[in-house]
Amino acid sequence: MWLADRLANLVSGLGGPRDKSTGNLHVHIPRSRAELDAAYRDNWLARKVVDIVPFDMLREWRAWQAPPEVAAALAASEERLSLQDRLLRALRLARLHGGAALLIGDGAPDPSLPLEPETLGQGGLRYLHVLPRGRIQAGAIERDPLSPWFGEPIAYTIAGGQAVHPSRVVRLLGAALPDDIVGDGWGDSVLQALLEAIDQATAAAAHIAAMLPEAKQDVISVPGLSQALSTEDGTRLLTERFAYAARMKGLFGMLLLEGDGRSPEGERYQQKQLDFSGLPEVARLFLQVAAGAADIPVTRLLGQSPAGLNATGESDIRNYHDHVAARQTVELTPAIARLDRLLIRDALGRDEPALRYAWRPLAQASEREKAEIGRLKAETAAMLAREGVVPAHVLARGVEGWLSAADLFPGIAAAFARPVG
C-alpha cells in the first residue's frame, strides 16, 4: 500500500499521477571550486553576494567597553595584527568556498602543540594569516561531548604537511550543512544554493541586451528577389545596391528606392520595432529573486534608490541591518572568541574576563541625532549624580568611557588618557 503525506485532490488531479509537480526531486550537485572562482571573478552579481555581507559586518568595526587606556591598547593590537583586514578576507573566502581559517602565530616552534592563553605575554602574538579552504585540511571532528573541542576538528594540516593544533586556528564557515558528518569539517559555499538564481538574473539581462540590436530592423520587400538571388551576378548586384542604399541612409538620413516595373507596388520599405515595455519588469523580478535568496535588499545589492510611490526602502535597510547585527552576535562573536582572549593578553599582558565589546551600528546617526542622544545621556547622568544612586567615582568613569566612545568631541579620549598635571 502506498501512502503519501501530502495534499491530494481527485477532482483537480492535485497530488495524483497527472500532477507534474509530483515528479520534482531535489538532487545535490556540488559546485566545483573552479566554477565558484569563475563565478566570483566574472559575474558581478555573484561577487557582490559574496562580498557585501562580510563588508557590512565589519565596516563599522567594534567598540570595546573599557577605560580609554585599555581600549586604546586593544585597538593598537588589532591594528598591529591587521585584524579587521584579515577577518574581512577570511569571511569572504569562507562565503565563497564554504570555509576559511585564521592561523594564529605566537612564534612557537611546534604549532601542533596547544596554544595556552596563560603563557602568552604582552605583544606575544606575531601574526594572523588567512588560509583558504584549499590550503588547510580539517581533521576528524571531535565527537566526545565532554571535550572542549567538541564539534570541531581534532587537528588541522596546512600545505606542506604541518600539523596545527585547533587552539591556533579560527575556523570560519560558509553556509551551514545539515550535519557536520556530511562535509569535511567545513560548510557549503553560499553560491551553492544561490548560483541558479544569480545565473537567471544575469541571463535575463544578457538576453535583453542581445535583443537591443534587433530593436529596429529595416524590411524591404523586393519583387523578384528569389529570381535575382538565383544567379551569382544577381546576388552581387543586389548586395551592392542595398549596401549603397545603407550608406546613403547613414550619410544623409534617407533611403532611396526605385520601383520595379514588374510589380505595381515596386519595392516597399518598412521598419519593425520590438516592444521592450515589459522587459525591465522581468529583469527586475529576477534581480529581486536573487536578492531575496541572498538575504540582501535590492537597494543594497544594486546600490540604487527604491522605486515606486512613497518607496523609501527604510524598512528593508533596517531589517537588513538587524540581520547583519544578528549575524555578528550569533555567528562572528563566538567564532573569534578564542582569538579575542589572546588579543586581550597581547594588548594588556593579563586576562580581563569582564571586558566586553559592542559592534557599532551600521546605521550611523547624523550630527543632530548624536547631539540629541548626548543630551539625553547627559541629563540621565546628572540625575543619577543628584540622586546619589551611583557612586560618584563609578559614574565619572562611566561618563568618561561614554564620551571617549561616542565621537562627540574629537580628541577627548586622548585627553582622558593623558596624565593630569
Protein backbone atom coordinates (compact mmCIF):
# COMPACT_ATOMS: atom_id res chain seq x y z
CA MET A 1 0.00 0.00 0.00
CA TRP A 2 1.36 3.42 -1.00
CA LEU A 3 0.90 6.30 1.42
CA ALA A 4 1.76 9.94 0.76
CA ASP A 5 1.72 12.65 3.37
CA ARG A 6 0.63 15.43 1.01
CA LEU A 7 -2.43 17.29 -0.20
CA ALA A 8 -4.33 15.42 -2.93
CA ASN A 9 -7.49 16.26 -4.89
CA LEU A 10 -9.05 13.63 -7.13
CA VAL A 11 -11.16 16.20 -9.00
CA SER A 12 -8.37 18.57 -9.95
CA GLY A 13 -5.66 15.92 -10.10
CA LEU A 14 -3.56 17.67 -7.45
CA GLY A 15 -1.10 15.20 -5.96
CA GLY A 16 -2.14 12.49 -8.42
CA PRO A 17 -0.41 10.95 -11.41
CA ARG A 18 -1.39 13.93 -13.62
CA ASP A 19 0.20 16.45 -11.26
CA LYS A 20 3.52 17.31 -12.87
CA SER A 21 4.96 18.57 -9.59
CA THR A 22 4.95 15.02 -8.20
CA GLY A 23 7.98 14.35 -10.37
CA ASN A 24 10.08 17.03 -8.64
CA LEU A 25 13.17 15.65 -6.94
CA HIS A 26 15.97 17.62 -5.32
CA VAL A 27 19.40 16.31 -6.29
CA HIS A 28 22.53 17.81 -4.74
CA ILE A 29 25.15 18.67 -7.36
CA PRO A 30 28.23 20.17 -5.69
CA ARG A 31 29.72 23.19 -7.43
CA SER A 32 33.41 22.76 -8.10
CA ARG A 33 35.90 25.27 -6.75
CA ALA A 34 36.85 26.23 -10.31
CA GLU A 35 33.21 27.08 -11.08
CA LEU A 36 32.84 29.08 -7.86
CA ASP A 37 36.04 31.02 -8.55
CA ALA A 38 34.97 31.71 -12.13
CA ALA A 39 31.57 32.99 -10.98
CA TYR A 40 33.22 35.24 -8.38
CA ARG A 41 35.71 36.66 -10.86
CA ASP A 42 33.44 37.04 -13.89
CA ASN A 43 29.90 37.59 -12.55
CA TRP A 44 29.33 40.95 -10.86
CA LEU A 45 26.23 39.73 -9.04
CA ALA A 46 27.97 36.66 -7.60
CA ARG A 47 30.87 38.82 -6.41
CA LYS A 48 28.55 41.26 -4.66
CA VAL A 49 26.59 38.46 -2.98
CA VAL A 50 29.85 37.08 -1.56
CA ASP A 51 31.42 40.42 -0.59
CA ILE A 52 28.61 42.60 0.72
CA VAL A 53 27.68 40.78 3.93
CA PRO A 54 31.26 40.42 5.31
CA PHE A 55 31.98 44.05 4.42
CA ASP A 56 28.86 45.26 6.21
CA MET A 57 29.58 43.05 9.23
CA LEU A 58 32.98 44.68 9.70
CA ARG A 59 32.82 48.15 8.14
CA GLU A 60 31.94 49.98 11.38
CA TRP A 61 34.04 47.56 13.45
CA ARG A 62 33.53 47.29 17.21
CA ALA A 63 33.93 49.40 20.34
CA TRP A 64 35.49 47.96 23.50
CA GLN A 65 33.57 48.78 26.65
CA ALA A 66 36.66 49.68 28.64
CA PRO A 67 38.56 52.63 30.08
CA PRO A 68 40.21 54.76 27.39
CA GLU A 69 43.76 53.49 28.01
CA VAL A 70 42.60 49.85 27.84
CA ALA A 71 40.51 50.45 24.71
CA ALA A 72 43.47 52.21 23.10
CA ALA A 73 45.80 49.28 23.86
CA LEU A 74 43.30 46.79 22.38
CA ALA A 75 42.84 48.94 19.28
CA ALA A 76 46.64 49.12 18.89
CA SER A 77 46.92 45.32 18.97
CA GLU A 78 44.09 44.98 16.43
CA GLU A 79 45.83 47.46 14.15
CA ARG A 80 49.26 45.82 14.53
CA LEU A 81 47.82 42.43 13.57
CA SER A 82 45.62 43.94 10.79
CA LEU A 83 42.74 42.08 12.40
CA GLN A 84 39.92 43.85 10.58
CA ASP A 85 41.52 43.35 7.16
CA ARG A 86 42.43 39.70 7.82
CA LEU A 87 38.99 38.92 9.16
CA LEU A 88 37.28 40.54 6.18
CA ARG A 89 39.33 38.50 3.72
CA ALA A 90 38.72 35.28 5.65
CA LEU A 91 34.96 35.86 5.81
CA ARG A 92 34.81 36.48 2.06
CA LEU A 93 36.75 33.29 1.34
CA ALA A 94 34.53 31.37 3.76
CA ARG A 95 31.40 32.52 1.93
CA LEU A 96 32.94 31.75 -1.46
CA HIS A 97 34.48 28.34 -0.74
CA GLY A 98 32.49 27.20 2.29
CA GLY A 99 35.27 27.74 4.78
CA ALA A 100 38.49 29.55 5.62
CA ALA A 101 40.73 29.92 8.65
CA LEU A 102 42.85 32.42 10.52
CA LEU A 103 46.14 30.95 11.67
CA ILE A 104 47.29 32.44 14.98
CA GLY A 105 51.05 32.75 15.29
CA ASP A 106 52.90 33.22 18.59
CA GLY A 107 56.36 32.15 17.45
CA ALA A 108 56.08 28.63 18.95
CA PRO A 109 58.45 26.15 17.25
CA ASP A 110 55.85 23.36 17.17
CA PRO A 111 52.36 24.55 16.13
CA SER A 112 50.94 21.06 16.67
CA LEU A 113 51.03 21.76 20.42
CA PRO A 114 48.20 23.71 22.13
CA LEU A 115 48.43 27.47 22.44
CA GLU A 116 47.75 28.12 26.11
CA PRO A 117 46.46 31.68 26.68
CA GLU A 118 48.13 31.80 30.12
CA THR A 119 51.56 31.51 28.51
CA LEU A 120 51.04 34.47 26.18
CA GLY A 121 52.52 37.76 27.32
CA GLN A 122 52.07 41.32 26.16
CA GLY A 123 52.92 41.62 22.48
CA GLY A 124 53.06 37.82 22.24
CA LEU A 125 51.01 37.48 19.05
CA ARG A 126 53.26 37.60 16.00
CA TYR A 127 50.84 37.33 13.08
CA LEU A 128 47.43 36.35 11.75
CA HIS A 129 47.48 34.53 8.42
CA VAL A 130 44.44 33.92 6.24
CA LEU A 131 44.26 30.36 4.93
CA PRO A 132 41.74 29.50 2.20
CA ARG A 133 39.97 26.18 2.47
CA GLY A 134 42.25 24.65 -0.14
CA ARG A 135 45.37 25.36 1.94
CA ILE A 136 44.22 23.89 5.25
CA GLN A 137 42.74 20.45 5.75
CA ALA A 138 40.47 19.78 8.70
CA GLY A 139 40.91 16.51 10.55
CA ALA A 140 38.27 14.29 12.10
CA ILE A 141 35.53 16.02 14.08
CA GLU A 142 35.70 15.62 17.86
CA ARG A 143 32.67 13.56 18.92
CA ASP A 144 33.28 13.46 22.67
CA PRO A 145 30.72 15.85 24.24
CA LEU A 146 32.99 16.24 27.28
CA SER A 147 35.86 17.58 25.18
CA PRO A 148 36.34 21.38 24.93
CA TRP A 149 36.86 20.83 21.20
CA PHE A 150 33.52 19.04 20.72
CA GLY A 151 32.15 19.70 17.22
CA GLU A 152 35.48 21.00 15.95
CA PRO A 153 38.26 19.22 14.05
CA ILE A 154 40.74 17.48 16.34
CA ALA A 155 43.64 18.86 14.30
CA TYR A 156 44.44 20.66 11.07
CA THR A 157 47.06 20.13 8.39
CA ILE A 158 48.29 23.06 6.35
CA ALA A 159 50.00 22.96 2.97
CA GLY A 160 53.34 21.21 3.32
CA GLY A 161 52.07 18.67 5.84
CA GLN A 162 52.50 20.74 9.00
CA ALA A 163 50.06 19.72 11.74
CA VAL A 164 48.39 22.56 13.65
CA HIS A 165 46.51 22.37 16.94
CA PRO A 166 42.93 23.74 16.80
CA SER A 167 43.74 26.27 19.54
CA ARG A 168 45.83 28.08 16.91
CA VAL A 169 43.05 28.20 14.32
CA VAL A 170 39.94 30.35 13.99
CA ARG A 171 37.58 28.35 11.81
CA LEU A 172 35.09 30.33 9.73
CA LEU A 173 32.34 28.52 7.87
CA GLY A 174 30.26 29.44 4.85
CA ALA A 175 26.70 28.17 4.56
CA ALA A 176 25.84 25.68 7.29
CA LEU A 177 25.44 21.99 6.48
CA PRO A 178 22.52 19.92 7.81
CA ASP A 179 25.03 17.80 9.76
CA ASP A 180 28.79 18.06 10.13
CA ILE A 181 29.16 14.41 9.10
CA VAL A 182 28.12 15.44 5.60
CA GLY A 183 31.18 17.56 4.88
CA ASP A 184 34.89 17.60 5.59
CA GLY A 185 34.91 19.93 8.56
CA TRP A 186 33.78 22.94 6.54
CA GLY A 187 30.48 24.25 5.16
CA ASP A 188 28.97 24.97 1.76
CA SER A 189 29.69 27.96 -0.41
CA VAL A 190 26.86 30.48 -0.21
CA LEU A 191 26.82 30.33 -4.01
CA GLN A 192 25.91 26.62 -3.89
CA ALA A 193 22.24 27.46 -3.31
CA LEU A 194 22.25 30.92 -4.92
CA LEU A 195 24.07 30.40 -8.21
CA GLU A 196 20.97 29.30 -10.10
CA ALA A 197 19.08 32.46 -9.12
CA ILE A 198 22.16 34.56 -9.90
CA ASP A 199 22.56 32.92 -13.32
CA GLN A 200 18.90 33.51 -14.13
CA ALA A 201 19.16 37.20 -13.19
CA THR A 202 22.29 37.81 -15.24
CA ALA A 203 20.93 35.71 -18.14
CA ALA A 204 17.73 37.79 -18.21
CA ALA A 205 19.79 40.97 -18.54
CA ALA A 206 22.01 39.34 -21.17
CA HIS A 207 19.02 38.22 -23.25
CA ILE A 208 17.57 41.73 -23.17
CA ALA A 209 20.94 43.16 -24.20
CA ALA A 210 21.10 40.66 -27.08
CA MET A 211 17.71 41.91 -28.30
CA LEU A 212 18.81 45.54 -28.49
CA PRO A 213 20.44 45.24 -31.94
CA GLU A 214 17.15 43.78 -33.16
CA ALA A 215 15.08 46.58 -31.65
CA LYS A 216 14.71 48.28 -35.05
CA GLN A 217 15.06 46.47 -38.35
CA ASP A 218 14.65 47.77 -41.89
CA VAL A 219 12.49 45.47 -44.00
CA ILE A 220 12.41 45.97 -47.78
CA SER A 221 10.15 43.87 -49.97
CA VAL A 222 11.86 43.31 -53.33
CA PRO A 223 9.79 41.91 -56.19
CA GLY A 224 11.59 39.08 -57.95
CA LEU A 225 14.03 38.62 -55.06
CA SER A 226 14.28 34.85 -55.45
CA GLN A 227 14.99 35.16 -59.15
CA ALA A 228 17.70 37.79 -58.55
CA LEU A 229 19.37 35.57 -55.95
CA SER A 230 19.34 32.54 -58.21
CA THR A 231 22.46 33.70 -60.06
CA GLU A 232 25.83 34.82 -58.79
CA ASP A 233 25.74 38.10 -60.70
CA GLY A 234 22.21 38.85 -59.50
CA THR A 235 23.22 38.26 -55.88
CA ARG A 236 26.26 40.51 -56.25
CA LEU A 237 24.30 43.33 -57.89
CA LEU A 238 21.55 43.15 -55.28
CA THR A 239 24.08 43.17 -52.44
CA GLU A 240 25.95 46.15 -53.88
CA ARG A 241 22.69 48.02 -54.44
CA PHE A 242 21.45 47.77 -50.87
CA ALA A 243 24.92 48.27 -49.39
CA TYR A 244 24.96 51.61 -51.23
CA ALA A 245 21.42 52.34 -50.02
CA ALA A 246 22.55 51.67 -46.41
CA ARG A 247 25.46 54.09 -46.86
CA MET A 248 23.12 56.74 -48.24
CA LYS A 249 20.86 56.29 -45.22
CA GLY A 250 23.80 56.56 -42.85
CA LEU A 251 25.22 59.69 -44.51
CA PHE A 252 22.08 61.63 -45.38
CA GLY A 253 19.39 60.03 -43.21
CA MET A 254 17.36 58.92 -46.22
CA LEU A 255 16.80 55.72 -48.12
CA LEU A 256 16.26 55.86 -51.90
CA LEU A 257 14.40 53.01 -53.54
CA GLU A 258 13.29 52.56 -57.12
CA GLY A 259 10.04 50.96 -58.16
CA ASP A 260 10.18 47.75 -60.15
CA GLY A 261 8.15 47.69 -63.34
CA ARG A 262 7.28 44.07 -62.86
CA SER A 263 5.28 44.99 -59.78
CA PRO A 264 2.71 47.77 -59.49
CA GLU A 265 3.88 48.32 -55.91
CA GLY A 266 7.62 48.39 -56.60
CA GLU A 267 9.97 47.99 -53.62
CA ARG A 268 8.30 48.53 -50.24
CA TYR A 269 10.15 49.80 -47.16
CA GLN A 270 9.10 49.09 -43.59
CA GLN A 271 10.59 49.36 -40.12
CA LYS A 272 9.96 46.70 -37.49
CA GLN A 273 10.38 47.69 -33.86
CA LEU A 274 10.38 45.41 -30.82
CA ASP A 275 8.29 46.29 -27.78
CA PHE A 276 10.51 46.45 -24.69
CA SER A 277 7.87 47.85 -22.36
CA GLY A 278 7.56 44.74 -20.15
CA LEU A 279 11.18 43.58 -20.21
CA PRO A 280 12.54 45.87 -17.44
CA GLU A 281 10.00 44.42 -15.04
CA VAL A 282 11.06 40.89 -16.00
CA ALA A 283 14.74 41.71 -15.41
CA ARG A 284 13.86 43.43 -12.11
CA LEU A 285 11.88 40.38 -10.99
CA PHE A 286 14.87 38.07 -11.48
CA LEU A 287 17.10 40.51 -9.59
CA GLN A 288 14.59 40.60 -6.73
CA VAL A 289 14.59 36.81 -6.58
CA ALA A 290 18.40 36.77 -6.43
CA ALA A 291 18.41 39.48 -3.74
CA GLY A 292 15.85 37.58 -1.69
CA ALA A 293 17.85 34.38 -1.98
CA ALA A 294 20.96 36.22 -0.77
CA ASP A 295 19.15 37.99 2.12
CA ILE A 296 20.35 41.34 0.78
CA PRO A 297 17.87 44.13 -0.09
CA VAL A 298 17.75 45.15 -3.73
CA THR A 299 18.61 48.71 -2.72
CA ARG A 300 21.86 47.46 -1.10
CA LEU A 301 22.68 44.82 -3.71
CA LEU A 302 22.26 47.12 -6.70
CA GLY A 303 23.18 50.38 -4.97
CA GLN A 304 20.06 52.11 -6.27
CA SER A 305 17.28 54.15 -4.74
CA PRO A 306 13.96 52.36 -4.17
CA ALA A 307 11.37 52.77 -6.92
CA GLY A 308 7.64 53.22 -6.59
CA LEU A 309 5.18 55.60 -4.99
CA ASN A 310 6.17 56.55 -1.43
CA ALA A 311 9.00 54.00 -1.53
CA THR A 312 11.88 54.84 0.80
CA GLY A 313 13.50 51.45 1.35
CA GLU A 314 13.97 52.34 5.03
CA SER A 315 12.21 49.24 6.33
CA ASP A 316 14.24 46.97 4.02
CA ILE A 317 17.53 48.53 5.08
CA ARG A 318 16.53 48.47 8.75
CA ASN A 319 15.65 44.78 8.52
CA TYR A 320 18.93 44.11 6.74
CA HIS A 321 20.90 45.96 9.42
CA ASP A 322 19.11 43.89 12.07
CA HIS A 323 20.02 40.76 10.11
CA VAL A 324 23.69 41.75 9.95
CA ALA A 325 23.73 42.64 13.65
CA ALA A 326 22.25 39.25 14.49
CA ARG A 327 24.94 37.50 12.45
CA GLN A 328 27.62 39.50 14.24
CA THR A 329 26.26 38.37 17.60
CA VAL A 330 25.28 34.78 16.81
CA GLU A 331 28.00 33.76 14.34
CA LEU A 332 31.00 36.07 14.35
CA THR A 333 31.40 36.81 18.07
CA PRO A 334 31.57 33.12 19.12
CA ALA A 335 33.83 32.30 16.14
CA ILE A 336 36.51 34.79 17.21
CA ALA A 337 36.09 34.42 20.99
CA ARG A 338 39.28 32.33 21.23
CA LEU A 339 41.21 34.95 19.31
CA ASP A 340 39.77 37.78 21.41
CA ARG A 341 41.06 36.21 24.63
CA LEU A 342 44.53 36.02 23.11
CA LEU A 343 44.18 39.57 21.82
CA ILE A 344 43.45 40.86 25.35
CA ARG A 345 46.58 39.18 26.68
CA ASP A 346 48.58 40.51 23.74
CA ALA A 347 47.38 44.05 24.46
CA LEU A 348 47.40 44.05 28.29
CA GLY A 349 49.60 41.12 29.31
CA ARG A 350 46.83 39.71 31.51
CA ASP A 351 43.34 38.22 31.39
CA GLU A 352 40.37 40.54 31.75
CA PRO A 353 37.28 38.28 31.80
CA ALA A 354 34.96 41.23 32.37
CA LEU A 355 35.98 43.01 29.16
CA ARG A 356 33.23 43.26 26.57
CA TYR A 357 32.75 44.96 23.25
CA ALA A 358 29.79 46.01 21.13
CA TRP A 359 29.52 46.01 17.36
CA ARG A 360 28.95 49.54 16.19
CA PRO A 361 25.57 50.06 14.48
CA LEU A 362 25.54 50.10 10.69
CA ALA A 363 23.10 52.99 10.56
CA GLN A 364 25.21 55.98 11.56
CA ALA A 365 23.42 58.81 13.32
CA SER A 366 23.62 62.35 11.99
CA GLU A 367 25.36 65.07 13.98
CA ARG A 368 21.98 66.35 15.15
CA GLU A 369 20.92 62.87 16.28
CA LYS A 370 24.25 62.37 18.08
CA ALA A 371 23.78 65.66 19.89
CA GLU A 372 20.24 64.73 20.92
CA ILE A 373 21.36 61.33 22.22
CA GLY A 374 24.22 63.03 24.06
CA ARG A 375 21.82 65.49 25.68
CA LEU A 376 19.58 62.67 26.92
CA LYS A 377 22.52 60.72 28.32
CA ALA A 378 23.95 63.83 29.97
CA GLU A 379 20.59 64.51 31.65
CA THR A 380 20.47 60.91 32.83
CA ALA A 381 24.00 61.16 34.27
CA ALA A 382 23.11 64.42 36.01
CA MET A 383 20.00 62.87 37.52
CA LEU A 384 21.97 59.86 38.79
CA ALA A 385 24.54 62.23 40.33
CA ARG A 386 21.84 64.29 42.08
CA GLU A 387 20.07 61.24 43.46
CA GLY A 388 23.29 59.55 44.52
CA VAL A 389 22.15 56.24 43.06
CA VAL A 390 25.61 55.54 41.63
CA PRO A 391 28.86 56.29 43.48
CA ALA A 392 30.44 59.44 42.07
CA HIS A 393 33.73 57.81 41.01
CA VAL A 394 31.88 54.97 39.26
CA LEU A 395 29.58 57.39 37.45
CA ALA A 396 32.54 59.54 36.43
CA ARG A 397 34.29 56.51 34.99
CA GLY A 398 31.19 55.54 33.06
CA VAL A 399 30.72 59.05 31.65
CA GLU A 400 34.39 59.07 30.68
CA GLY A 401 34.01 55.83 28.77
CA TRP A 402 30.84 57.06 27.06
CA LEU A 403 32.40 60.34 25.93
CA SER A 404 35.50 58.54 24.67
CA ALA A 405 33.49 56.13 22.55
CA ALA A 406 30.69 58.48 21.47
CA ASP A 407 32.77 60.52 18.99
CA LEU A 408 31.08 63.71 20.14
CA PHE A 409 34.30 65.61 20.89
CA PRO A 410 37.35 64.68 18.78
CA GLY A 411 40.47 64.15 20.89
CA ILE A 412 38.65 63.71 24.19
CA ALA A 413 39.75 60.07 24.53
CA ALA A 414 43.41 61.10 24.27
CA ALA A 415 42.82 63.91 26.76
CA PHE A 416 41.32 61.47 29.28
CA ALA A 417 44.27 59.11 28.82
CA ARG A 418 46.82 61.91 29.36
CA PRO A 419 48.03 62.14 32.96
CA VAL A 420 46.78 65.19 34.86
CA GLY A 421 49.44 67.82 35.54
